């Protein structure tokens, strides 16, 4: 089982200054990370449909990035499962 982080970019048609991003995390059951990423990308394409918002404006959405992929670990004896962990290095910080 893999977790795949997908970032979607949406914008209002004809308004270059109105851009917003949405980060989604999908769980994908697949043999390896590459296949999981491909499956997640295909699934995320379903989010990339234009629609009319409450203000009557056309919103366009595209996949901006597959920002991360990680293997979800098995749950422990208490039923807890770690689904995401990321190390962040801050050069020069103590």
PDB file of N, CA and C in Angstrom:
ATOM      1  N   UNK A   1       0.853  -1.169   0.000  1.00  0.00           N
ATOM      2  CA  UNK A   1       0.000   0.000   0.000  1.00  0.00           C
ATOM      3  C   UNK A   1       0.901   1.235   0.000  1.00  0.00           C
ATOM      4  N   UNK A   2       0.583   2.164  -0.864  1.00  0.00           N
ATOM      5  CA  UNK A   2       1.358   3.396  -0.992  1.00  0.00           C
ATOM      6  C   UNK A   2       0.458   4.608  -0.767  1.00  0.00           C
ATOM      7  N   UNK A   3       1.037   5.641  -0.237  1.00  0.00           N
ATOM      8  CA  UNK A   3       0.386   6.936  -0.148  1.00  0.00           C
ATOM      9  C   UNK A   3       1.000   7.830  -1.202  1.00  0.00           C
ATOM     10  N   UNK A   4       0.160   8.493  -1.954  1.00  0.00           N
ATOM     11  CA  UNK A   4       0.635   9.373  -3.025  1.00  0.00           C
ATOM     12  C   UNK A   4       0.035  10.764  -2.786  1.00  0.00           C
ATOM     13  N   UNK A   5       0.916  11.764  -2.691  1.00  0.00           N
ATOM     14  CA  UNK A   5       0.468  13.143  -2.519  1.00  0.00           C
ATOM     15  C   UNK A   5       0.393  13.801  -3.890  1.00  0.00           C
ATOM     16  N   UNK A   6      -0.776  14.313  -4.208  1.00  0.00           N
ATOM     17  CA  UNK A   6      -1.020  14.973  -5.489  1.00  0.00           C
ATOM     18  C   UNK A   6      -1.406  16.422  -5.202  1.00  0.00           C
ATOM     19  N   UNK A   7      -0.806  17.345  -5.951  1.00  0.00           N
ATOM     20  CA  UNK A   7      -1.176  18.753  -5.828  1.00  0.00           C
ATOM     21  C   UNK A   7      -1.932  19.159  -7.086  1.00  0.00           C
ATOM     22  N   UNK A   8      -3.122  19.686  -6.866  1.00  0.00           N
ATOM     23  CA  UNK A   8      -3.960  20.175  -7.957  1.00  0.00           C
ATOM     24  C   UNK A   8      -3.885  21.700  -7.987  1.00  0.00           C
ATOM     25  N   UNK A   9      -3.883  22.244  -9.174  1.00  0.00           N
ATOM     26  CA  UNK A   9      -3.853  23.695  -9.360  1.00  0.00           C
ATOM     27  C   UNK A   9      -5.139  24.108 -10.057  1.00  0.00           C
ATOM     28  N   UNK A  10      -5.865  25.015  -9.430  1.00  0.00           N
ATOM     29  CA  UNK A  10      -7.112  25.507 -10.018  1.00  0.00           C
ATOM     30  C   UNK A  10      -7.002  27.003 -10.240  1.00  0.00           C
ATOM     31  N   UNK A  11      -7.708  27.443 -11.248  1.00  0.00           N
ATOM     32  CA  UNK A  11      -7.719  28.872 -11.554  1.00  0.00           C
ATOM     33  C   UNK A  11      -9.077  29.249 -12.121  1.00  0.00           C
ATOM     34  N   UNK A  12      -9.402  30.506 -11.970  1.00  0.00           N
ATOM     35  CA  UNK A  12     -10.626  31.042 -12.551  1.00  0.00           C
ATOM     36  C   UNK A  12     -10.296  31.474 -13.974  1.00  0.00           C
ATOM     37  N   UNK A  13     -11.073  31.016 -14.915  1.00  0.00           N
ATOM     38  CA  UNK A  13     -10.837  31.365 -16.316  1.00  0.00           C
ATOM     39  C   UNK A  13     -10.848  32.883 -16.488  1.00  0.00           C
ATOM     40  N   UNK A  14      -9.873  33.392 -17.220  1.00  0.00           N
ATOM     41  CA  UNK A  14      -9.720  34.821 -17.523  1.00  0.00           C
ATOM     42  C   UNK A  14      -9.354  35.670 -16.305  1.00  0.00           C
ATOM     43  N   UNK A  15      -8.888  35.037 -15.233  1.00  0.00           N
ATOM     44  CA  UNK A  15      -8.416  35.777 -14.052  1.00  0.00           C
ATOM     45  C   UNK A  15      -7.070  35.192 -13.661  1.00  0.00           C
ATOM     46  N   UNK A  16      -6.008  35.727 -14.214  1.00  0.00           N
ATOM     47  CA  UNK A  16      -4.668  35.183 -13.994  1.00  0.00           C
ATOM     48  C   UNK A  16      -4.227  35.261 -12.537  1.00  0.00           C
ATOM     49  N   UNK A  17      -4.798  36.189 -11.766  1.00  0.00           N
ATOM     50  CA  UNK A  17      -4.372  36.359 -10.376  1.00  0.00           C
ATOM     51  C   UNK A  17      -5.161  35.488  -9.390  1.00  0.00           C
ATOM     52  N   UNK A  18      -6.058  34.673  -9.881  1.00  0.00           N
ATOM     53  CA  UNK A  18      -6.859  33.820  -8.991  1.00  0.00           C
ATOM     54  C   UNK A  18      -6.455  32.364  -9.189  1.00  0.00           C
ATOM     55  N   UNK A  19      -5.472  31.937  -8.405  1.00  0.00           N
ATOM     56  CA  UNK A  19      -4.958  30.571  -8.471  1.00  0.00           C
ATOM     57  C   UNK A  19      -4.984  29.995  -7.065  1.00  0.00           C
ATOM     58  N   UNK A  20      -5.417  28.753  -6.942  1.00  0.00           N
ATOM     59  CA  UNK A  20      -5.364  28.091  -5.648  1.00  0.00           C
ATOM     60  C   UNK A  20      -4.949  26.641  -5.847  1.00  0.00           C
ATOM     61  N   UNK A  21      -4.374  26.076  -4.807  1.00  0.00           N
ATOM     62  CA  UNK A  21      -3.844  24.720  -4.851  1.00  0.00           C
ATOM     63  C   UNK A  21      -4.570  23.850  -3.838  1.00  0.00           C
ATOM     64  N   UNK A  22      -4.693  22.595  -4.169  1.00  0.00           N
ATOM     65  CA  UNK A  22      -5.277  21.609  -3.259  1.00  0.00           C
ATOM     66  C   UNK A  22      -4.333  20.415  -3.202  1.00  0.00           C
ATOM     67  N   UNK A  23      -3.997  19.991  -2.024  1.00  0.00           N
ATOM     68  CA  UNK A  23      -3.157  18.806  -1.858  1.00  0.00           C
ATOM     69  C   UNK A  23      -4.053  17.661  -1.411  1.00  0.00           C
ATOM     70  N   UNK A  24      -3.989  16.552  -2.127  1.00  0.00           N
ATOM     71  CA  UNK A  24      -4.750  15.368  -1.747  1.00  0.00           C
ATOM     72  C   UNK A  24      -3.773  14.213  -1.534  1.00  0.00           C
ATOM     73  N   UNK A  25      -4.114  13.329  -0.628  1.00  0.00           N
ATOM     74  CA  UNK A  25      -3.315  12.135  -0.394  1.00  0.00           C
ATOM     75  C   UNK A  25      -4.203  10.940  -0.696  1.00  0.00           C
ATOM     76  N   UNK A  26      -3.745  10.123  -1.630  1.00  0.00           N
ATOM     77  CA  UNK A  26      -4.460   8.928  -2.033  1.00  0.00           C
ATOM     78  C   UNK A  26      -3.741   7.704  -1.504  1.00  0.00           C
ATOM     79  N   UNK A  27      -4.468   6.687  -1.102  1.00  0.00           N
ATOM     80  CA  UNK A  27      -3.838   5.406  -0.796  1.00  0.00           C
ATOM     81  C   UNK A  27      -4.085   4.502  -1.990  1.00  0.00           C
ATOM     82  N   UNK A  28      -3.012   3.854  -2.429  1.00  0.00           N
ATOM     83  CA  UNK A  28      -3.060   3.050  -3.642  1.00  0.00           C
ATOM     84  C   UNK A  28      -2.439   1.685  -3.349  1.00  0.00           C
ATOM     85  N   UNK A  29      -3.189   0.650  -3.628  1.00  0.00           N
ATOM     86  CA  UNK A  29      -2.652  -0.699  -3.467  1.00  0.00           C
ATOM     87  C   UNK A  29      -2.053  -1.116  -4.801  1.00  0.00           C
ATOM     88  N   UNK A  30      -0.720  -1.284  -4.798  1.00  0.00           N
ATOM     89  CA  UNK A  30      -0.022  -1.634  -6.033  1.00  0.00           C
ATOM     90  C   UNK A  30       1.286  -2.327  -5.674  1.00  0.00           C
ATOM     91  N   UNK A  31       1.889  -2.993  -6.650  1.00  0.00           N
ATOM     92  CA  UNK A  31       3.116  -3.772  -6.430  1.00  0.00           C
ATOM     93  C   UNK A  31       4.328  -2.932  -6.076  1.00  0.00           C
ATOM     94  N   UNK A  32       4.459  -1.763  -6.711  1.00  0.00           N
ATOM     95  CA  UNK A  32       5.622  -0.927  -6.469  1.00  0.00           C
ATOM     96  C   UNK A  32       5.244   0.548  -6.581  1.00  0.00           C
ATOM     97  N   UNK A  33       6.181   1.387  -6.200  1.00  0.00           N
ATOM     98  CA  UNK A  33       5.937   2.828  -6.149  1.00  0.00           C
ATOM     99  C   UNK A  33       5.591   3.421  -7.511  1.00  0.00           C
ATOM    100  N   UNK A  34       6.310   3.006  -8.555  1.00  0.00           N
ATOM    101  CA  UNK A  34       6.047   3.552  -9.893  1.00  0.00           C
ATOM    102  C   UNK A  34       4.640   3.247 -10.372  1.00  0.00           C
ATOM    103  N   UNK A  35       4.192   2.021 -10.161  1.00  0.00           N
ATOM    104  CA  UNK A  35       2.831   1.660 -10.557  1.00  0.00           C
ATOM    105  C   UNK A  35       1.803   2.409  -9.713  1.00  0.00           C
ATOM    106  N   UNK A  36       2.111   2.606  -8.445  1.00  0.00           N
ATOM    107  CA  UNK A  36       1.205   3.343  -7.561  1.00  0.00           C
ATOM    108  C   UNK A  36       1.068   4.795  -8.014  1.00  0.00           C
ATOM    109  N   UNK A  37       2.178   5.411  -8.408  1.00  0.00           N
ATOM    110  CA  UNK A  37       2.144   6.797  -8.893  1.00  0.00           C
ATOM    111  C   UNK A  37       1.305   6.898 -10.158  1.00  0.00           C
ATOM    112  N   UNK A  38       1.501   5.975 -11.083  1.00  0.00           N
ATOM    113  CA  UNK A  38       0.724   5.994 -12.333  1.00  0.00           C
ATOM    114  C   UNK A  38      -0.769   5.848 -12.057  1.00  0.00           C
ATOM    115  N   UNK A  39      -1.117   4.938 -11.158  1.00  0.00           N
ATOM    116  CA  UNK A  39      -2.529   4.716 -10.822  1.00  0.00           C
ATOM    117  C   UNK A  39      -3.117   5.955 -10.152  1.00  0.00           C
ATOM    118  N   UNK A  40      -2.362   6.574  -9.257  1.00  0.00           N
ATOM    119  CA  UNK A  40      -2.829   7.786  -8.576  1.00  0.00           C
ATOM    120  C   UNK A  40      -3.019   8.929  -9.565  1.00  0.00           C
ATOM    121  N   UNK A  41      -2.098   9.042 -10.504  1.00  0.00           N
ATOM    122  CA  UNK A  41      -2.206  10.103 -11.507  1.00  0.00           C
ATOM    123  C   UNK A  41      -3.451   9.912 -12.370  1.00  0.00           C
ATOM    124  N   UNK A  42      -3.714   8.693 -12.774  1.00  0.00           N
ATOM    125  CA  UNK A  42      -4.924   8.417 -13.561  1.00  0.00           C
ATOM    126  C   UNK A  42      -6.177   8.753 -12.757  1.00  0.00           C
ATOM    127  N   UNK A  43      -6.175   8.377 -11.479  1.00  0.00           N
ATOM    128  CA  UNK A  43      -7.315   8.673 -10.622  1.00  0.00           C
ATOM    129  C   UNK A  43      -7.497  10.183 -10.466  1.00  0.00           C
ATOM    130  N   UNK A  44      -6.401  10.894 -10.240  1.00  0.00           N
ATOM    131  CA  UNK A  44      -6.457  12.343 -10.010  1.00  0.00           C
ATOM    132  C   UNK A  44      -6.947  13.097 -11.239  1.00  0.00           C
ATOM    133  N   UNK A  45      -6.808  12.525 -12.415  1.00  0.00           N
ATOM    134  CA  UNK A  45      -7.320  13.182 -13.622  1.00  0.00           C
ATOM    135  C   UNK A  45      -8.829  13.397 -13.534  1.00  0.00           C
ATOM    136  N   UNK A  46      -9.496  12.585 -12.712  1.00  0.00           N
ATOM    137  CA  UNK A  46     -10.933  12.762 -12.504  1.00  0.00           C
ATOM    138  C   UNK A  46     -11.282  14.077 -11.820  1.00  0.00           C
ATOM    139  N   UNK A  47     -10.331  14.672 -11.117  1.00  0.00           N
ATOM    140  CA  UNK A  47     -10.529  15.966 -10.484  1.00  0.00           C
ATOM    141  C   UNK A  47     -10.375  17.104 -11.487  1.00  0.00           C
ATOM    142  N   UNK A  48      -9.821  16.831 -12.644  1.00  0.00           N
ATOM    143  CA  UNK A  48      -9.450  17.867 -13.604  1.00  0.00           C
ATOM    144  C   UNK A  48     -10.562  18.137 -14.609  1.00  0.00           C
ATOM    145  N   UNK A  49     -11.696  18.480 -14.066  1.00  0.00           N
ATOM    146  CA  UNK A  49     -12.843  18.850 -14.898  1.00  0.00           C
ATOM    147  C   UNK A  49     -13.225  20.278 -14.561  1.00  0.00           C
ATOM    148  N   UNK A  50     -13.589  21.029 -15.566  1.00  0.00           N
ATOM    149  CA  UNK A  50     -14.001  22.402 -15.298  1.00  0.00           C
ATOM    150  C   UNK A  50     -15.419  22.393 -14.718  1.00  0.00           C
ATOM    151  N   UNK A  51     -15.698  23.430 -13.931  1.00  0.00           N
ATOM    152  CA  UNK A  51     -17.041  23.583 -13.358  1.00  0.00           C
ATOM    153  C   UNK A  51     -17.310  25.070 -13.150  1.00  0.00           C
ATOM    154  N   UNK A  52     -18.545  25.389 -12.918  1.00  0.00           N
ATOM    155  CA  UNK A  52     -18.960  26.762 -12.648  1.00  0.00           C
ATOM    156  C   UNK A  52     -19.115  26.908 -11.141  1.00  0.00           C
ATOM    157  N   UNK A  53     -18.401  27.878 -10.557  1.00  0.00           N
ATOM    158  CA  UNK A  53     -18.483  28.068  -9.108  1.00  0.00           C
ATOM    159  C   UNK A  53     -19.736  28.864  -8.735  1.00  0.00           C
ATOM    160  N   UNK A  54     -19.892  29.146  -7.454  1.00  0.00           N
ATOM    161  CA  UNK A  54     -21.084  29.838  -6.952  1.00  0.00           C
ATOM    162  C   UNK A  54     -21.212  31.265  -7.480  1.00  0.00           C
ATOM    163  N   UNK A  55     -20.106  31.837  -7.959  1.00  0.00           N
ATOM    164  CA  UNK A  55     -20.123  33.201  -8.509  1.00  0.00           C
ATOM    165  C   UNK A  55     -20.367  33.208 -10.019  1.00  0.00           C
ATOM    166  N   UNK A  56     -20.587  32.030 -10.591  1.00  0.00           N
ATOM    167  CA  UNK A  56     -20.822  31.929 -12.024  1.00  0.00           C
ATOM    168  C   UNK A  56     -19.558  31.932 -12.863  1.00  0.00           C
ATOM    169  N   UNK A  57     -18.401  31.756 -12.221  1.00  0.00           N
ATOM    170  CA  UNK A  57     -17.123  31.762 -12.929  1.00  0.00           C
ATOM    171  C   UNK A  57     -16.699  30.333 -13.250  1.00  0.00           C
ATOM    172  N   UNK A  58     -16.040  30.172 -14.381  1.00  0.00           N
ATOM    173  CA  UNK A  58     -15.551  28.860 -14.779  1.00  0.00           C
ATOM    174  C   UNK A  58     -14.225  28.577 -14.089  1.00  0.00           C
ATOM    175  N   UNK A  59     -14.148  27.439 -13.391  1.00  0.00           N
ATOM    176  CA  UNK A  59     -12.937  27.028 -12.686  1.00  0.00           C
ATOM    177  C   UNK A  59     -12.289  25.890 -13.470  1.00  0.00           C
ATOM    178  N   UNK A  60     -10.997  26.021 -13.735  1.00  0.00           N
ATOM    179  CA  UNK A  60     -10.232  25.015 -14.463  1.00  0.00           C
ATOM    180  C   UNK A  60      -9.215  24.397 -13.509  1.00  0.00           C
ATOM    181  N   UNK A  61      -9.106  23.074 -13.491  1.00  0.00           N
ATOM    182  CA  UNK A  61      -8.204  22.375 -12.583  1.00  0.00           C
ATOM    183  C   UNK A  61      -7.312  21.420 -13.362  1.00  0.00           C
ATOM    184  N   UNK A  62      -6.032  21.404 -12.993  1.00  0.00           N
ATOM    185  CA  UNK A  62      -5.049  20.506 -13.595  1.00  0.00           C
ATOM    186  C   UNK A  62      -4.209  19.877 -12.488  1.00  0.00           C
ATOM    187  N   UNK A  63      -3.567  18.757 -12.815  1.00  0.00           N
ATOM    188  CA  UNK A  63      -2.585  18.186 -11.897  1.00  0.00           C
ATOM    189  C   UNK A  63      -1.346  19.057 -11.974  1.00  0.00           C
ATOM    190  N   UNK A  64      -0.923  19.589 -10.840  1.00  0.00           N
ATOM    191  CA  UNK A  64       0.262  20.439 -10.783  1.00  0.00           C
ATOM    192  C   UNK A  64       1.512  19.607 -10.522  1.00  0.00           C
ATOM    193  N   UNK A  65       1.407  18.631  -9.606  1.00  0.00           N
ATOM    194  CA  UNK A  65       2.578  17.849  -9.242  1.00  0.00           C
ATOM    195  C   UNK A  65       2.162  16.599  -8.474  1.00  0.00           C
ATOM    196  N   UNK A  66       2.937  15.538  -8.648  1.00  0.00           N
ATOM    197  CA  UNK A  66       2.889  14.397  -7.740  1.00  0.00           C
ATOM    198  C   UNK A  66       4.034  14.676  -6.781  1.00  0.00           C
ATOM    199  N   UNK A  67       3.720  15.197  -5.595  1.00  0.00           N
ATOM    200  CA  UNK A  67       4.766  15.762  -4.751  1.00  0.00           C
ATOM    201  C   UNK A  67       5.473  14.751  -3.864  1.00  0.00           C
ATOM    202  N   UNK A  68       4.859  13.597  -3.637  1.00  0.00           N
ATOM    203  CA  UNK A  68       5.500  12.630  -2.759  1.00  0.00           C
ATOM    204  C   UNK A  68       4.834  11.275  -2.930  1.00  0.00           C
ATOM    205  N   UNK A  69       5.600  10.233  -2.692  1.00  0.00           N
ATOM    206  CA  UNK A  69       5.093   8.864  -2.691  1.00  0.00           C
ATOM    207  C   UNK A  69       5.775   8.142  -1.543  1.00  0.00           C
ATOM    208  N   UNK A  70       5.011   7.382  -0.798  1.00  0.00           N
ATOM    209  CA  UNK A  70       5.576   6.698   0.355  1.00  0.00           C
ATOM    210  C   UNK A  70       4.827   5.397   0.589  1.00  0.00           C
ATOM    211  N   UNK A  71       5.536   4.437   1.137  1.00  0.00           N
ATOM    212  CA  UNK A  71       4.928   3.156   1.440  1.00  0.00           C
ATOM    213  C   UNK A  71       4.270   3.239   2.811  1.00  0.00           C
ATOM    214  N   UNK A  72       3.002   2.884   2.866  1.00  0.00           N
ATOM    215  CA  UNK A  72       2.281   2.863   4.138  1.00  0.00           C
ATOM    216  C   UNK A  72       2.670   1.595   4.890  1.00  0.00           C
ATOM    217  N   UNK A  73       2.974   1.743   6.146  1.00  0.00           N
ATOM    218  CA  UNK A  73       3.436   0.624   6.945  1.00  0.00           C
ATOM    219  C   UNK A  73       2.263  -0.164   7.516  1.00  0.00           C
ATOM    220  N   UNK A  74       2.548  -1.398   7.910  1.00  0.00           N
ATOM    221  CA  UNK A  74       1.524  -2.223   8.537  1.00  0.00           C
ATOM    222  C   UNK A  74       1.141  -1.633   9.888  1.00  0.00           C
ATOM    223  N   UNK A  75      -0.087  -1.872  10.303  1.00  0.00           N
ATOM    224  CA  UNK A  75      -0.499  -1.362  11.600  1.00  0.00           C
ATOM    225  C   UNK A  75       0.087  -2.213  12.714  1.00  0.00           C
ATOM    226  N   UNK A  76       0.286  -1.581  13.868  1.00  0.00           N
ATOM    227  CA  UNK A  76       0.850  -2.300  15.005  1.00  0.00           C
ATOM    228  C   UNK A  76      -0.239  -3.058  15.753  1.00  0.00           C
ATOM    229  N   UNK A  77       0.130  -3.675  16.860  1.00  0.00           N
ATOM    230  CA  UNK A  77      -0.815  -4.516  17.601  1.00  0.00           C
ATOM    231  C   UNK A  77      -1.960  -3.720  18.212  1.00  0.00           C
ATOM    232  N   UNK A  78      -1.838  -2.394  18.297  1.00  0.00           N
ATOM    233  CA  UNK A  78      -2.911  -1.548  18.835  1.00  0.00           C
ATOM    234  C   UNK A  78      -3.812  -0.976  17.736  1.00  0.00           C
ATOM    235  N   UNK A  79      -3.557  -1.383  16.495  1.00  0.00           N
ATOM    236  CA  UNK A  79      -4.365  -0.893  15.384  1.00  0.00           C
ATOM    237  C   UNK A  79      -3.944   0.462  14.859  1.00  0.00           C
ATOM    238  N   UNK A  80      -2.723   0.893  15.190  1.00  0.00           N
ATOM    239  CA  UNK A  80      -2.215   2.185  14.725  1.00  0.00           C
ATOM    240  C   UNK A  80      -1.362   1.966  13.490  1.00  0.00           C
ATOM    241  N   UNK A  81      -1.546   2.830  12.493  1.00  0.00           N
ATOM    242  CA  UNK A  81      -0.778   2.737  11.257  1.00  0.00           C
ATOM    243  C   UNK A  81      -0.154   4.087  10.949  1.00  0.00           C
ATOM    244  N   UNK A  82       1.151   4.094  10.734  1.00  0.00           N
ATOM    245  CA  UNK A  82       1.819   5.311  10.296  1.00  0.00           C
ATOM    246  C   UNK A  82       1.595   5.422   8.801  1.00  0.00           C
ATOM    247  N   UNK A  83       1.001   6.520   8.377  1.00  0.00           N
ATOM    248  CA  UNK A  83       0.727   6.675   6.955  1.00  0.00           C
ATOM    249  C   UNK A  83       1.638   7.689   6.273  1.00  0.00           C
ATOM    250  N   UNK A  84       2.350   8.482   7.079  1.00  0.00           N
ATOM    251  CA  UNK A  84       3.230   9.451   6.439  1.00  0.00           C
ATOM    252  C   UNK A  84       4.312   9.884   7.402  1.00  0.00           C
ATOM    253  N   UNK A  85       5.511   9.976   6.892  1.00  0.00           N
ATOM    254  CA  UNK A  85       6.649  10.469   7.651  1.00  0.00           C
ATOM    255  C   UNK A  85       7.598  11.134   6.674  1.00  0.00           C
ATOM    256  N   UNK A  86       8.094  12.305   7.037  1.00  0.00           N
ATOM    257  CA  UNK A  86       9.007  13.015   6.151  1.00  0.00           C
ATOM    258  C   UNK A  86      10.071  13.701   6.998  1.00  0.00           C
ATOM    259  N   UNK A  87      11.333  13.465   6.665  1.00  0.00           N
ATOM    260  CA  UNK A  87      12.433  14.146   7.333  1.00  0.00           C
ATOM    261  C   UNK A  87      12.723  15.436   6.592  1.00  0.00           C
ATOM    262  N   UNK A  88      12.913  16.507   7.354  1.00  0.00           N
ATOM    263  CA  UNK A  88      13.207  17.813   6.767  1.00  0.00           C
ATOM    264  C   UNK A  88      14.537  18.269   7.344  1.00  0.00           C
ATOM    265  N   UNK A  89      15.495  18.549   6.491  1.00  0.00           N
ATOM    266  CA  UNK A  89      16.812  18.997   6.919  1.00  0.00           C
ATOM    267  C   UNK A  89      16.871  20.523   6.866  1.00  0.00           C
ATOM    268  N   UNK A  90      17.301  21.109   7.956  1.00  0.00           N
ATOM    269  CA  UNK A  90      17.494  22.546   8.028  1.00  0.00           C
ATOM    270  C   UNK A  90      18.980  22.792   8.229  1.00  0.00           C
ATOM    271  N   UNK A  91      19.669  23.080   7.156  1.00  0.00           N
ATOM    272  CA  UNK A  91      21.114  23.296   7.212  1.00  0.00           C
ATOM    273  C   UNK A  91      21.439  24.452   8.168  1.00  0.00           C
ATOM    274  N   UNK A  92      22.383  24.206   9.080  1.00  0.00           N
ATOM    275  CA  UNK A  92      22.823  25.250   9.990  1.00  0.00           C
ATOM    276  C   UNK A  92      21.968  25.435  11.220  1.00  0.00           C
ATOM    277  N   UNK A  93      20.835  24.763  11.313  1.00  0.00           N
ATOM    278  CA  UNK A  93      19.964  24.857  12.480  1.00  0.00           C
ATOM    279  C   UNK A  93      20.398  23.873  13.527  1.00  0.00           C
ATOM    280  N   UNK A  94      20.202  24.206  14.799  1.00  0.00           N
ATOM    281  CA  UNK A  94      20.536  23.284  15.885  1.00  0.00           C
ATOM    282  C   UNK A  94      19.311  22.534  16.322  1.00  0.00           C
TER     283      UNK A  94
END
